[in-house]
Protein backbone atom coordinates (compact mmCIF):
# COMPACT_ATOMS: atom_id res chain seq x y z
CA UNK A 1 0.00 0.00 0.00
CA UNK A 2 1.66 3.24 -1.15
CA UNK A 3 1.28 6.39 0.88
CA UNK A 4 0.81 9.77 -0.72
CA UNK A 5 3.57 11.70 1.05
CA UNK A 6 4.03 15.38 0.39
CA UNK A 7 6.76 17.68 1.64
CA UNK A 8 5.76 19.60 4.74
CA UNK A 9 6.90 23.16 5.37
CA UNK A 10 8.85 23.21 8.61
CA UNK A 11 10.37 26.23 10.28
CA UNK A 12 13.68 26.39 12.16
CA UNK A 13 12.00 25.55 15.49
CA UNK A 14 10.36 22.46 14.00
CA UNK A 15 13.72 21.34 12.61
CA UNK A 16 15.45 21.86 15.96
CA UNK A 17 12.72 19.85 17.70
CA UNK A 18 13.10 17.03 15.18
CA UNK A 19 16.91 16.96 15.52
CA UNK A 20 16.70 16.84 19.31
CA UNK A 21 14.00 14.16 19.35
CA UNK A 22 15.90 12.12 16.78
CA UNK A 23 18.93 12.15 19.09
CA UNK A 24 16.89 11.42 22.23
CA UNK A 25 13.27 10.41 21.80
CA UNK A 26 12.85 10.16 25.58
CA UNK A 27 13.64 13.83 26.20
CA UNK A 28 11.03 15.34 28.50
CA UNK A 29 8.81 18.04 27.01
CA UNK A 30 10.07 20.63 29.54
CA UNK A 31 13.71 19.89 28.63
CA UNK A 32 12.91 19.96 24.94
CA UNK A 33 11.14 23.31 25.31
CA UNK A 34 14.10 24.78 27.20
CA UNK A 35 16.58 23.58 24.57
CA UNK A 36 14.50 25.14 21.76
CA UNK A 37 13.65 28.26 23.78
CA UNK A 38 9.85 27.97 23.65
CA UNK A 39 7.22 27.39 26.33
CA UNK A 40 6.37 23.79 27.32
CA UNK A 41 2.80 24.26 26.05
CA UNK A 42 4.00 25.51 22.67
CA UNK A 43 6.55 22.70 22.53
CA UNK A 44 3.86 20.10 23.21
CA UNK A 45 1.58 21.56 20.51
CA UNK A 46 4.43 21.60 17.98
CA UNK A 47 5.45 18.01 18.71
CA UNK A 48 1.81 16.90 18.42
CA UNK A 49 1.60 18.72 15.07
CA UNK A 50 4.79 17.00 13.86
CA UNK A 51 3.26 13.65 14.84
CA UNK A 52 -0.02 14.48 13.09
CA UNK A 53 1.83 15.55 9.93
CA UNK A 54 3.72 12.24 9.90
CA UNK A 55 7.14 13.87 10.35
CA UNK A 56 7.55 11.72 13.46
CA UNK A 57 6.36 8.19 12.78
CA UNK A 58 7.12 6.66 16.17
CA UNK A 59 9.40 6.53 19.16
CA UNK A 60 10.98 3.31 20.34
CA UNK A 61 13.91 1.87 22.24
CA UNK A 62 16.98 0.73 20.33
CA UNK A 63 18.03 -2.68 21.60
CA UNK A 64 21.55 -4.07 21.67
CA UNK A 65 21.43 -7.14 19.37
CA UNK A 66 24.39 -8.74 21.18
CA UNK A 67 22.50 -8.65 24.51
CA UNK A 68 19.44 -10.18 22.79
CA UNK A 69 21.55 -13.09 21.45
CA UNK A 70 21.02 -11.84 17.89
CA UNK A 71 24.56 -10.73 17.12
CA UNK A 72 24.77 -11.98 13.53
CA UNK A 73 23.54 -9.52 10.93
CA UNK A 74 22.64 -10.92 7.53
CA UNK A 75 21.65 -9.13 4.35
CA UNK A 76 19.75 -11.26 1.83
CA UNK A 77 19.28 -10.33 -1.80
CA UNK A 78 16.11 -11.84 -3.25
CA UNK A 79 15.19 -12.39 -6.89
CA UNK A 80 11.57 -13.24 -7.66
CA UNK A 81 10.54 -15.61 -10.41
CA UNK A 82 8.17 -13.04 -11.95
CA UNK A 83 8.06 -9.25 -12.06
CA UNK A 84 4.32 -8.72 -11.74
CA UNK A 85 2.39 -6.54 -9.31
CA UNK A 86 0.79 -9.68 -7.88
CA UNK A 87 4.11 -11.45 -7.22
CA UNK A 88 5.56 -8.32 -5.61
CA UNK A 89 2.46 -7.90 -3.42
CA UNK A 90 2.51 -11.55 -2.33
CA UNK A 91 6.21 -11.40 -1.44
CA UNK A 92 5.86 -8.10 0.43
CA UNK A 93 2.91 -9.38 2.47
CA UNK A 94 4.84 -12.53 3.42
CA UNK A 95 7.94 -10.49 4.32
CA UNK A 96 5.84 -8.17 6.53
CA UNK A 97 4.52 -11.22 8.38
CA UNK A 98 7.94 -12.80 8.92
CA UNK A 99 9.07 -11.50 12.31
CA UNK A 100 12.77 -12.12 11.70
CA UNK A 101 12.83 -9.59 8.82
CA UNK A 102 14.00 -6.29 10.28
CA UNK A 103 13.96 -4.40 6.98
CA UNK A 104 12.69 -5.23 3.51
CA UNK A 105 13.44 -2.94 0.58
CA UNK A 106 12.39 -3.16 -3.06
CA UNK A 107 15.50 -2.26 -5.05
CA UNK A 108 16.63 -1.69 -8.63
CA UNK A 109 19.45 -3.75 -10.06
CA UNK A 110 20.38 -7.43 -9.86
CA UNK A 111 17.95 -8.15 -7.00
CA UNK A 112 14.31 -7.38 -6.45
CA UNK A 113 14.55 -7.03 -2.66
CA UNK A 114 17.09 -6.74 0.10
CA UNK A 115 16.20 -8.15 3.50
CA UNK A 116 17.97 -7.28 6.73
CA UNK A 117 17.81 -10.12 9.24
CA UNK A 118 19.33 -10.69 12.68
CA UNK A 119 20.02 -14.21 13.93
CA UNK A 120 22.02 -15.91 16.69
CA UNK A 121 24.65 -17.42 14.40
CA UNK A 122 25.27 -19.01 11.02
CA UNK A 123 23.52 -22.26 12.02
CA UNK A 124 20.44 -20.28 13.09
CA UNK A 125 20.41 -18.54 9.70
CA UNK A 126 20.84 -21.86 7.89
CA UNK A 127 17.69 -23.21 9.61
CA UNK A 128 15.80 -20.03 8.85
CA UNK A 129 16.89 -20.04 5.22
CA UNK A 130 15.86 -23.65 4.70
CA UNK A 131 12.49 -23.37 6.42
CA UNK A 132 11.31 -19.81 5.81
CA UNK A 133 13.21 -17.69 3.31
CA UNK A 134 13.27 -19.95 0.29
CA UNK A 135 9.59 -20.75 0.79
CA UNK A 136 8.48 -17.10 0.58
CA UNK A 137 6.09 -16.58 -2.36
CA UNK A 138 7.76 -16.19 -5.74
CA UNK A 139 11.37 -16.55 -4.56
CA UNK A 140 13.56 -17.83 -7.38
CA UNK A 141 16.96 -17.06 -5.87
CA UNK A 142 18.55 -15.66 -2.74
CA UNK A 143 22.06 -14.44 -2.16
CA UNK A 144 23.27 -14.13 1.42
CA UNK A 145 25.74 -11.59 2.77
CA UNK A 146 26.99 -12.06 6.34
CA UNK A 147 27.94 -8.67 7.77
CA UNK A 148 31.44 -8.74 9.17
CA UNK A 149 31.39 -5.25 10.69
CA UNK A 150 28.62 -2.71 11.16
CA UNK A 151 30.20 0.61 10.28
CA UNK A 152 27.05 2.79 10.21
CA UNK A 153 23.66 1.47 11.29
CA UNK A 154 20.41 3.38 11.69
CA UNK A 155 22.06 6.80 11.59
CA UNK A 156 19.83 9.79 12.28
CA UNK A 157 18.62 11.73 9.25
CA UNK A 158 20.79 14.71 8.39
CA UNK A 159 18.16 17.43 8.63
C-alpha atoms as a PDB file:
ATOM      1  CA  UNK A   1       0.000   0.000   0.000  1.00  0.00           C
ATOM      2  CA  UNK A   2       1.655   3.242  -1.146  1.00  0.00           C
ATOM      3  CA  UNK A   3       1.281   6.388   0.881  1.00  0.00           C
ATOM      4  CA  UNK A   4       0.814   9.772  -0.716  1.00  0.00           C
ATOM      5  CA  UNK A   5       3.574  11.698   1.049  1.00  0.00           C
ATOM      6  CA  UNK A   6       4.032  15.379   0.388  1.00  0.00           C
ATOM      7  CA  UNK A   7       6.765  17.678   1.638  1.00  0.00           C
ATOM      8  CA  UNK A   8       5.759  19.596   4.741  1.00  0.00           C
ATOM      9  CA  UNK A   9       6.897  23.160   5.374  1.00  0.00           C
ATOM     10  CA  UNK A  10       8.847  23.210   8.607  1.00  0.00           C
ATOM     11  CA  UNK A  11      10.367  26.232  10.275  1.00  0.00           C
ATOM     12  CA  UNK A  12      13.678  26.388  12.165  1.00  0.00           C
ATOM     13  CA  UNK A  13      12.005  25.554  15.488  1.00  0.00           C
ATOM     14  CA  UNK A  14      10.361  22.457  14.002  1.00  0.00           C
ATOM     15  CA  UNK A  15      13.718  21.344  12.606  1.00  0.00           C
ATOM     16  CA  UNK A  16      15.449  21.857  15.962  1.00  0.00           C
ATOM     17  CA  UNK A  17      12.721  19.850  17.702  1.00  0.00           C
ATOM     18  CA  UNK A  18      13.099  17.027  15.184  1.00  0.00           C
ATOM     19  CA  UNK A  19      16.906  16.965  15.518  1.00  0.00           C
ATOM     20  CA  UNK A  20      16.697  16.841  19.313  1.00  0.00           C
ATOM     21  CA  UNK A  21      14.002  14.157  19.354  1.00  0.00           C
ATOM     22  CA  UNK A  22      15.896  12.118  16.784  1.00  0.00           C
ATOM     23  CA  UNK A  23      18.931  12.153  19.092  1.00  0.00           C
ATOM     24  CA  UNK A  24      16.893  11.423  22.231  1.00  0.00           C
ATOM     25  CA  UNK A  25      13.271  10.413  21.805  1.00  0.00           C
ATOM     26  CA  UNK A  26      12.853  10.163  25.583  1.00  0.00           C
ATOM     27  CA  UNK A  27      13.643  13.830  26.195  1.00  0.00           C
ATOM     28  CA  UNK A  28      11.034  15.337  28.502  1.00  0.00           C
ATOM     29  CA  UNK A  29       8.815  18.039  27.012  1.00  0.00           C
ATOM     30  CA  UNK A  30      10.075  20.627  29.538  1.00  0.00           C
ATOM     31  CA  UNK A  31      13.707  19.892  28.632  1.00  0.00           C
ATOM     32  CA  UNK A  32      12.911  19.957  24.942  1.00  0.00           C
ATOM     33  CA  UNK A  33      11.136  23.312  25.308  1.00  0.00           C
ATOM     34  CA  UNK A  34      14.099  24.779  27.202  1.00  0.00           C
ATOM     35  CA  UNK A  35      16.582  23.577  24.571  1.00  0.00           C
ATOM     36  CA  UNK A  36      14.503  25.139  21.760  1.00  0.00           C
ATOM     37  CA  UNK A  37      13.654  28.265  23.785  1.00  0.00           C
ATOM     38  CA  UNK A  38       9.847  27.968  23.652  1.00  0.00           C
ATOM     39  CA  UNK A  39       7.224  27.386  26.331  1.00  0.00           C
ATOM     40  CA  UNK A  40       6.375  23.787  27.324  1.00  0.00           C
ATOM     41  CA  UNK A  41       2.797  24.262  26.052  1.00  0.00           C
ATOM     42  CA  UNK A  42       4.001  25.514  22.674  1.00  0.00           C
ATOM     43  CA  UNK A  43       6.551  22.699  22.525  1.00  0.00           C
ATOM     44  CA  UNK A  44       3.860  20.099  23.210  1.00  0.00           C
ATOM     45  CA  UNK A  45       1.584  21.557  20.514  1.00  0.00           C
ATOM     46  CA  UNK A  46       4.428  21.603  17.980  1.00  0.00           C
ATOM     47  CA  UNK A  47       5.449  18.011  18.708  1.00  0.00           C
ATOM     48  CA  UNK A  48       1.814  16.899  18.421  1.00  0.00           C
ATOM     49  CA  UNK A  49       1.598  18.721  15.069  1.00  0.00           C
ATOM     50  CA  UNK A  50       4.791  16.998  13.859  1.00  0.00           C
ATOM     51  CA  UNK A  51       3.265  13.652  14.845  1.00  0.00           C
ATOM     52  CA  UNK A  52      -0.024  14.481  13.091  1.00  0.00           C
ATOM     53  CA  UNK A  53       1.834  15.546   9.926  1.00  0.00           C
ATOM     54  CA  UNK A  54       3.718  12.243   9.895  1.00  0.00           C
ATOM     55  CA  UNK A  55       7.139  13.866  10.345  1.00  0.00           C
ATOM     56  CA  UNK A  56       7.555  11.716  13.457  1.00  0.00           C
ATOM     57  CA  UNK A  57       6.362   8.190  12.783  1.00  0.00           C
ATOM     58  CA  UNK A  58       7.121   6.655  16.174  1.00  0.00           C
ATOM     59  CA  UNK A  59       9.402   6.533  19.163  1.00  0.00           C
ATOM     60  CA  UNK A  60      10.985   3.308  20.336  1.00  0.00           C
ATOM     61  CA  UNK A  61      13.910   1.874  22.244  1.00  0.00           C
ATOM     62  CA  UNK A  62      16.981   0.734  20.333  1.00  0.00           C
ATOM     63  CA  UNK A  63      18.034  -2.677  21.599  1.00  0.00           C
ATOM     64  CA  UNK A  64      21.551  -4.071  21.674  1.00  0.00           C
ATOM     65  CA  UNK A  65      21.430  -7.142  19.374  1.00  0.00           C
ATOM     66  CA  UNK A  66      24.391  -8.742  21.185  1.00  0.00           C
ATOM     67  CA  UNK A  67      22.503  -8.647  24.506  1.00  0.00           C
ATOM     68  CA  UNK A  68      19.442 -10.178  22.793  1.00  0.00           C
ATOM     69  CA  UNK A  69      21.550 -13.090  21.449  1.00  0.00           C
ATOM     70  CA  UNK A  70      21.015 -11.841  17.886  1.00  0.00           C
ATOM     71  CA  UNK A  71      24.561 -10.730  17.120  1.00  0.00           C
ATOM     72  CA  UNK A  72      24.772 -11.981  13.534  1.00  0.00           C
ATOM     73  CA  UNK A  73      23.540  -9.519  10.928  1.00  0.00           C
ATOM     74  CA  UNK A  74      22.635 -10.915   7.531  1.00  0.00           C
ATOM     75  CA  UNK A  75      21.646  -9.131   4.347  1.00  0.00           C
ATOM     76  CA  UNK A  76      19.754 -11.257   1.832  1.00  0.00           C
ATOM     77  CA  UNK A  77      19.277 -10.330  -1.802  1.00  0.00           C
ATOM     78  CA  UNK A  78      16.111 -11.841  -3.247  1.00  0.00           C
ATOM     79  CA  UNK A  79      15.193 -12.390  -6.888  1.00  0.00           C
ATOM     80  CA  UNK A  80      11.571 -13.237  -7.660  1.00  0.00           C
ATOM     81  CA  UNK A  81      10.538 -15.612 -10.411  1.00  0.00           C
ATOM     82  CA  UNK A  82       8.169 -13.040 -11.953  1.00  0.00           C
ATOM     83  CA  UNK A  83       8.058  -9.251 -12.058  1.00  0.00           C
ATOM     84  CA  UNK A  84       4.320  -8.725 -11.737  1.00  0.00           C
ATOM     85  CA  UNK A  85       2.395  -6.542  -9.310  1.00  0.00           C
ATOM     86  CA  UNK A  86       0.789  -9.682  -7.876  1.00  0.00           C
ATOM     87  CA  UNK A  87       4.107 -11.445  -7.217  1.00  0.00           C
ATOM     88  CA  UNK A  88       5.563  -8.318  -5.608  1.00  0.00           C
ATOM     89  CA  UNK A  89       2.462  -7.898  -3.420  1.00  0.00           C
ATOM     90  CA  UNK A  90       2.510 -11.553  -2.327  1.00  0.00           C
ATOM     91  CA  UNK A  91       6.209 -11.400  -1.444  1.00  0.00           C
ATOM     92  CA  UNK A  92       5.855  -8.104   0.433  1.00  0.00           C
ATOM     93  CA  UNK A  93       2.915  -9.376   2.475  1.00  0.00           C
ATOM     94  CA  UNK A  94       4.835 -12.526   3.421  1.00  0.00           C
ATOM     95  CA  UNK A  95       7.944 -10.489   4.323  1.00  0.00           C
ATOM     96  CA  UNK A  96       5.842  -8.172   6.530  1.00  0.00           C
ATOM     97  CA  UNK A  97       4.523 -11.215   8.379  1.00  0.00           C
ATOM     98  CA  UNK A  98       7.943 -12.803   8.920  1.00  0.00           C
ATOM     99  CA  UNK A  99       9.072 -11.495  12.313  1.00  0.00           C
ATOM    100  CA  UNK A 100      12.773 -12.119  11.698  1.00  0.00           C
ATOM    101  CA  UNK A 101      12.826  -9.594   8.817  1.00  0.00           C
ATOM    102  CA  UNK A 102      13.996  -6.290  10.284  1.00  0.00           C
ATOM    103  CA  UNK A 103      13.956  -4.402   6.976  1.00  0.00           C
ATOM    104  CA  UNK A 104      12.691  -5.233   3.506  1.00  0.00           C
ATOM    105  CA  UNK A 105      13.437  -2.943   0.584  1.00  0.00           C
ATOM    106  CA  UNK A 106      12.392  -3.156  -3.065  1.00  0.00           C
ATOM    107  CA  UNK A 107      15.501  -2.265  -5.053  1.00  0.00           C
ATOM    108  CA  UNK A 108      16.626  -1.691  -8.634  1.00  0.00           C
ATOM    109  CA  UNK A 109      19.453  -3.750 -10.061  1.00  0.00           C
ATOM    110  CA  UNK A 110      20.376  -7.427  -9.857  1.00  0.00           C
ATOM    111  CA  UNK A 111      17.954  -8.154  -7.002  1.00  0.00           C
ATOM    112  CA  UNK A 112      14.306  -7.382  -6.453  1.00  0.00           C
ATOM    113  CA  UNK A 113      14.546  -7.029  -2.658  1.00  0.00           C
ATOM    114  CA  UNK A 114      17.089  -6.738   0.100  1.00  0.00           C
ATOM    115  CA  UNK A 115      16.198  -8.150   3.503  1.00  0.00           C
ATOM    116  CA  UNK A 116      17.973  -7.283   6.726  1.00  0.00           C
ATOM    117  CA  UNK A 117      17.814 -10.118   9.238  1.00  0.00           C
ATOM    118  CA  UNK A 118      19.325 -10.689  12.685  1.00  0.00           C
ATOM    119  CA  UNK A 119      20.016 -14.214  13.933  1.00  0.00           C
ATOM    120  CA  UNK A 120      22.018 -15.912  16.686  1.00  0.00           C
ATOM    121  CA  UNK A 121      24.645 -17.416  14.402  1.00  0.00           C
ATOM    122  CA  UNK A 122      25.267 -19.010  11.015  1.00  0.00           C
ATOM    123  CA  UNK A 123      23.516 -22.265  12.017  1.00  0.00           C
ATOM    124  CA  UNK A 124      20.444 -20.276  13.091  1.00  0.00           C
ATOM    125  CA  UNK A 125      20.406 -18.540   9.699  1.00  0.00           C
ATOM    126  CA  UNK A 126      20.839 -21.862   7.890  1.00  0.00           C
ATOM    127  CA  UNK A 127      17.693 -23.214   9.608  1.00  0.00           C
ATOM    128  CA  UNK A 128      15.796 -20.025   8.852  1.00  0.00           C
ATOM    129  CA  UNK A 129      16.891 -20.043   5.219  1.00  0.00           C
ATOM    130  CA  UNK A 130      15.864 -23.652   4.699  1.00  0.00           C
ATOM    131  CA  UNK A 131      12.491 -23.367   6.421  1.00  0.00           C
ATOM    132  CA  UNK A 132      11.314 -19.815   5.809  1.00  0.00           C
ATOM    133  CA  UNK A 133      13.211 -17.690   3.312  1.00  0.00           C
ATOM    134  CA  UNK A 134      13.266 -19.955   0.292  1.00  0.00           C
ATOM    135  CA  UNK A 135       9.586 -20.750   0.786  1.00  0.00           C
ATOM    136  CA  UNK A 136       8.481 -17.103   0.585  1.00  0.00           C
ATOM    137  CA  UNK A 137       6.094 -16.579  -2.359  1.00  0.00           C
ATOM    138  CA  UNK A 138       7.762 -16.189  -5.735  1.00  0.00           C
ATOM    139  CA  UNK A 139      11.365 -16.554  -4.562  1.00  0.00           C
ATOM    140  CA  UNK A 140      13.562 -17.827  -7.377  1.00  0.00           C
ATOM    141  CA  UNK A 141      16.962 -17.063  -5.871  1.00  0.00           C
ATOM    142  CA  UNK A 142      18.554 -15.661  -2.740  1.00  0.00           C
ATOM    143  CA  UNK A 143      22.063 -14.441  -2.155  1.00  0.00           C
ATOM    144  CA  UNK A 144      23.269 -14.127   1.419  1.00  0.00           C
ATOM    145  CA  UNK A 145      25.744 -11.594   2.771  1.00  0.00           C
ATOM    146  CA  UNK A 146      26.989 -12.058   6.337  1.00  0.00           C
ATOM    147  CA  UNK A 147      27.943  -8.670   7.765  1.00  0.00           C
ATOM    148  CA  UNK A 148      31.442  -8.742   9.168  1.00  0.00           C
ATOM    149  CA  UNK A 149      31.390  -5.254  10.688  1.00  0.00           C
ATOM    150  CA  UNK A 150      28.625  -2.705  11.164  1.00  0.00           C
ATOM    151  CA  UNK A 151      30.195   0.613  10.278  1.00  0.00           C
ATOM    152  CA  UNK A 152      27.046   2.786  10.213  1.00  0.00           C
ATOM    153  CA  UNK A 153      23.660   1.466  11.290  1.00  0.00           C
ATOM    154  CA  UNK A 154      20.413   3.379  11.694  1.00  0.00           C
ATOM    155  CA  UNK A 155      22.056   6.802  11.591  1.00  0.00           C
ATOM    156  CA  UNK A 156      19.828   9.786  12.277  1.00  0.00           C
ATOM    157  CA  UNK A 157      18.617  11.733   9.249  1.00  0.00           C
ATOM    158  CA  UNK A 158      20.792  14.713   8.392  1.00  0.00           C
ATOM    159  CA  UNK A 159      18.164  17.433   8.628  1.00  0.00           C
END
